[in-house]
Amino acid sequence: MKKDKKTYNYCIPSPMASFMKKIDDRTQMEASLLSMFFF
């Protein structure tokens, strides 16, 4: 699975991708932690 620093380019449904992007816009650290849990 490929992950870009700025945008999340996962091979997943768009709702989940936009969800992850929203989190990334909020806090980079939270996004990293959540991505560790989810993936």
PDB file of N, CA and C in Angstrom:
ATOM      1  N   MET A   1       0.846  -1.197   0.000  1.00  0.00           N
ATOM      2  CA  MET A   1       0.000   0.000   0.000  1.00  0.00           C
ATOM      3  C   MET A   1       0.885   1.252   0.000  1.00  0.00           C
ATOM      4  N   LYS A   2       0.529   2.184  -0.874  1.00  0.00           N
ATOM      5  CA  LYS A   2       1.356   3.379  -1.029  1.00  0.00           C
ATOM      6  C   LYS A   2       0.785   4.538  -0.222  1.00  0.00           C
ATOM      7  N   LYS A   3       1.650   5.249   0.500  1.00  0.00           N
ATOM      8  CA  LYS A   3       1.179   6.386   1.292  1.00  0.00           C
ATOM      9  C   LYS A   3       2.033   7.622   1.020  1.00  0.00           C
ATOM     10  N   ASP A   4       1.375   8.692   0.604  1.00  0.00           N
ATOM     11  CA  ASP A   4       2.089   9.941   0.369  1.00  0.00           C
ATOM     12  C   ASP A   4       2.105  10.767   1.655  1.00  0.00           C
ATOM     13  N   LYS A   5       3.069  11.668   1.782  1.00  0.00           N
ATOM     14  CA  LYS A   5       3.170  12.493   2.984  1.00  0.00           C
ATOM     15  C   LYS A   5       1.986  13.464   3.085  1.00  0.00           C
ATOM     16  N   LYS A   6       1.644  14.084   1.945  1.00  0.00           N
ATOM     17  CA  LYS A   6       0.630  15.137   1.969  1.00  0.00           C
ATOM     18  C   LYS A   6      -0.777  14.579   1.806  1.00  0.00           C
ATOM     19  N   THR A   7      -0.957  13.658   0.843  1.00  0.00           N
ATOM     20  CA  THR A   7      -2.290  13.114   0.587  1.00  0.00           C
ATOM     21  C   THR A   7      -2.286  11.602   0.734  1.00  0.00           C
ATOM     22  N   TYR A   8      -3.409  11.064   1.147  1.00  0.00           N
ATOM     23  CA  TYR A   8      -3.519   9.617   1.329  1.00  0.00           C
ATOM     24  C   TYR A   8      -3.990   8.967   0.034  1.00  0.00           C
ATOM     25  N   ASN A   9      -3.118   8.150  -0.544  1.00  0.00           N
ATOM     26  CA  ASN A   9      -3.464   7.471  -1.795  1.00  0.00           C
ATOM     27  C   ASN A   9      -3.586   5.972  -1.549  1.00  0.00           C
ATOM     28  N   TYR A  10      -4.556   5.608  -0.714  1.00  0.00           N
ATOM     29  CA  TYR A  10      -4.774   4.193  -0.430  1.00  0.00           C
ATOM     30  C   TYR A  10      -5.709   3.594  -1.467  1.00  0.00           C
ATOM     31  N   CYS A  11      -5.589   2.307  -1.686  1.00  0.00           N
ATOM     32  CA  CYS A  11      -6.529   1.608  -2.560  1.00  0.00           C
ATOM     33  C   CYS A  11      -7.736   1.190  -1.720  1.00  0.00           C
ATOM     34  N   ILE A  12      -8.529   2.191  -1.328  1.00  0.00           N
ATOM     35  CA  ILE A  12      -9.675   1.975  -0.458  1.00  0.00           C
ATOM     36  C   ILE A  12     -10.833   2.826  -0.955  1.00  0.00           C
ATOM     37  N   PRO A  13     -12.037   2.557  -0.476  1.00  0.00           N
ATOM     38  CA  PRO A  13     -13.201   3.364  -0.857  1.00  0.00           C
ATOM     39  C   PRO A  13     -12.976   4.850  -0.562  1.00  0.00           C
ATOM     40  N   SER A  14     -13.517   5.707  -1.397  1.00  0.00           N
ATOM     41  CA  SER A  14     -13.313   7.146  -1.265  1.00  0.00           C
ATOM     42  C   SER A  14     -13.771   7.732   0.072  1.00  0.00           C
ATOM     43  N   PRO A  15     -14.876   7.253   0.675  1.00  0.00           N
ATOM     44  CA  PRO A  15     -15.275   7.795   1.981  1.00  0.00           C
ATOM     45  C   PRO A  15     -14.167   7.660   3.021  1.00  0.00           C
ATOM     46  N   MET A  16     -13.531   6.490   3.034  1.00  0.00           N
ATOM     47  CA  MET A  16     -12.457   6.263   3.994  1.00  0.00           C
ATOM     48  C   MET A  16     -11.263   7.147   3.669  1.00  0.00           C
ATOM     49  N   ALA A  17     -10.979   7.307   2.374  1.00  0.00           N
ATOM     50  CA  ALA A  17      -9.851   8.142   1.950  1.00  0.00           C
ATOM     51  C   ALA A  17     -10.070   9.602   2.356  1.00  0.00           C
ATOM     52  N   SER A  18     -11.275  10.098   2.131  1.00  0.00           N
ATOM     53  CA  SER A  18     -11.587  11.479   2.508  1.00  0.00           C
ATOM     54  C   SER A  18     -11.561  11.636   4.024  1.00  0.00           C
ATOM     55  N   PHE A  19     -11.970  10.576   4.739  1.00  0.00           N
ATOM     56  CA  PHE A  19     -11.927  10.581   6.202  1.00  0.00           C
ATOM     57  C   PHE A  19     -10.494  10.718   6.697  1.00  0.00           C
ATOM     58  N   MET A  20      -9.600   9.931   6.091  1.00  0.00           N
ATOM     59  CA  MET A  20      -8.193   9.989   6.475  1.00  0.00           C
ATOM     60  C   MET A  20      -7.594  11.351   6.122  1.00  0.00           C
ATOM     61  N   LYS A  21      -8.011  11.897   4.980  1.00  0.00           N
ATOM     62  CA  LYS A  21      -7.501  13.205   4.554  1.00  0.00           C
ATOM     63  C   LYS A  21      -7.954  14.297   5.522  1.00  0.00           C
ATOM     64  N   LYS A  22      -9.201  14.183   5.991  1.00  0.00           N
ATOM     65  CA  LYS A  22      -9.728  15.157   6.937  1.00  0.00           C
ATOM     66  C   LYS A  22      -8.918  15.138   8.227  1.00  0.00           C
ATOM     67  N   ILE A  23      -8.585  13.925   8.671  1.00  0.00           N
ATOM     68  CA  ILE A  23      -7.776  13.777   9.874  1.00  0.00           C
ATOM     69  C   ILE A  23      -6.382  14.353   9.646  1.00  0.00           C
ATOM     70  N   ASP A  24      -5.841  14.115   8.451  1.00  0.00           N
ATOM     71  CA  ASP A  24      -4.508  14.613   8.131  1.00  0.00           C
ATOM     72  C   ASP A  24      -4.482  16.137   8.143  1.00  0.00           C
ATOM     73  N   ASP A  25      -5.574  16.744   7.683  1.00  0.00           N
ATOM     74  CA  ASP A  25      -5.672  18.204   7.705  1.00  0.00           C
ATOM     75  C   ASP A  25      -5.683  18.712   9.140  1.00  0.00           C
ATOM     76  N   ARG A  26      -6.293  17.948  10.024  1.00  0.00           N
ATOM     77  CA  ARG A  26      -6.353  18.341  11.430  1.00  0.00           C
ATOM     78  C   ARG A  26      -4.985  18.186  12.096  1.00  0.00           C
ATOM     79  N   THR A  27      -4.543  16.948  12.231  1.00  0.00           N
ATOM     80  CA  THR A  27      -3.279  16.700  12.927  1.00  0.00           C
ATOM     81  C   THR A  27      -2.523  15.571  12.249  1.00  0.00           C
ATOM     82  N   GLN A  28      -1.289  15.863  11.871  1.00  0.00           N
ATOM     83  CA  GLN A  28      -0.473  14.861  11.181  1.00  0.00           C
ATOM     84  C   GLN A  28      -0.198  13.668  12.085  1.00  0.00           C
ATOM     85  N   MET A  29       0.022  13.951  13.364  1.00  0.00           N
ATOM     86  CA  MET A  29       0.342  12.879  14.303  1.00  0.00           C
ATOM     87  C   MET A  29      -0.853  11.948  14.487  1.00  0.00           C
ATOM     88  N   GLU A  30      -2.027  12.505  14.645  1.00  0.00           N
ATOM     89  CA  GLU A  30      -3.233  11.687  14.802  1.00  0.00           C
ATOM     90  C   GLU A  30      -3.448  10.807  13.584  1.00  0.00           C
ATOM     91  N   ALA A  31      -3.217  11.367  12.421  1.00  0.00           N
ATOM     92  CA  ALA A  31      -3.381  10.608  11.178  1.00  0.00           C
ATOM     93  C   ALA A  31      -2.414   9.437  11.135  1.00  0.00           C
ATOM     94  N   SER A  32      -1.189   9.686  11.577  1.00  0.00           N
ATOM     95  CA  SER A  32      -0.183   8.623  11.575  1.00  0.00           C
ATOM     96  C   SER A  32      -0.591   7.508  12.533  1.00  0.00           C
ATOM     97  N   LEU A  33      -1.075   7.885  13.700  1.00  0.00           N
ATOM     98  CA  LEU A  33      -1.488   6.892  14.687  1.00  0.00           C
ATOM     99  C   LEU A  33      -2.681   6.082  14.178  1.00  0.00           C
ATOM    100  N   LEU A  34      -3.651   6.777  13.605  1.00  0.00           N
ATOM    101  CA  LEU A  34      -4.842   6.090  13.099  1.00  0.00           C
ATOM    102  C   LEU A  34      -4.495   5.168  11.947  1.00  0.00           C
ATOM    103  N   SER A  35      -3.589   5.614  11.082  1.00  0.00           N
ATOM    104  CA  SER A  35      -3.198   4.770   9.951  1.00  0.00           C
ATOM    105  C   SER A  35      -2.484   3.521  10.454  1.00  0.00           C
ATOM    106  N   MET A  36      -1.770   3.652  11.563  1.00  0.00           N
ATOM    107  CA  MET A  36      -1.105   2.491  12.153  1.00  0.00           C
ATOM    108  C   MET A  36      -2.143   1.494  12.671  1.00  0.00           C
ATOM    109  N   PHE A  37      -3.207   2.022  13.267  1.00  0.00           N
ATOM    110  CA  PHE A  37      -4.257   1.152  13.805  1.00  0.00           C
ATOM    111  C   PHE A  37      -5.068   0.498  12.684  1.00  0.00           C
ATOM    112  N   PHE A  38      -5.448   1.313  11.682  1.00  0.00           N
ATOM    113  CA  PHE A  38      -6.332   0.823  10.626  1.00  0.00           C
ATOM    114  C   PHE A  38      -5.602  -0.081   9.648  1.00  0.00           C
ATOM    115  N   PHE A  39      -4.308   0.199   9.417  1.00  0.00           N
ATOM    116  CA  PHE A  39      -3.591  -0.577   8.414  1.00  0.00           C
ATOM    117  C   PHE A  39      -2.458  -1.307   9.082  1.00  0.00           C
TER     118      PHE A  39
END
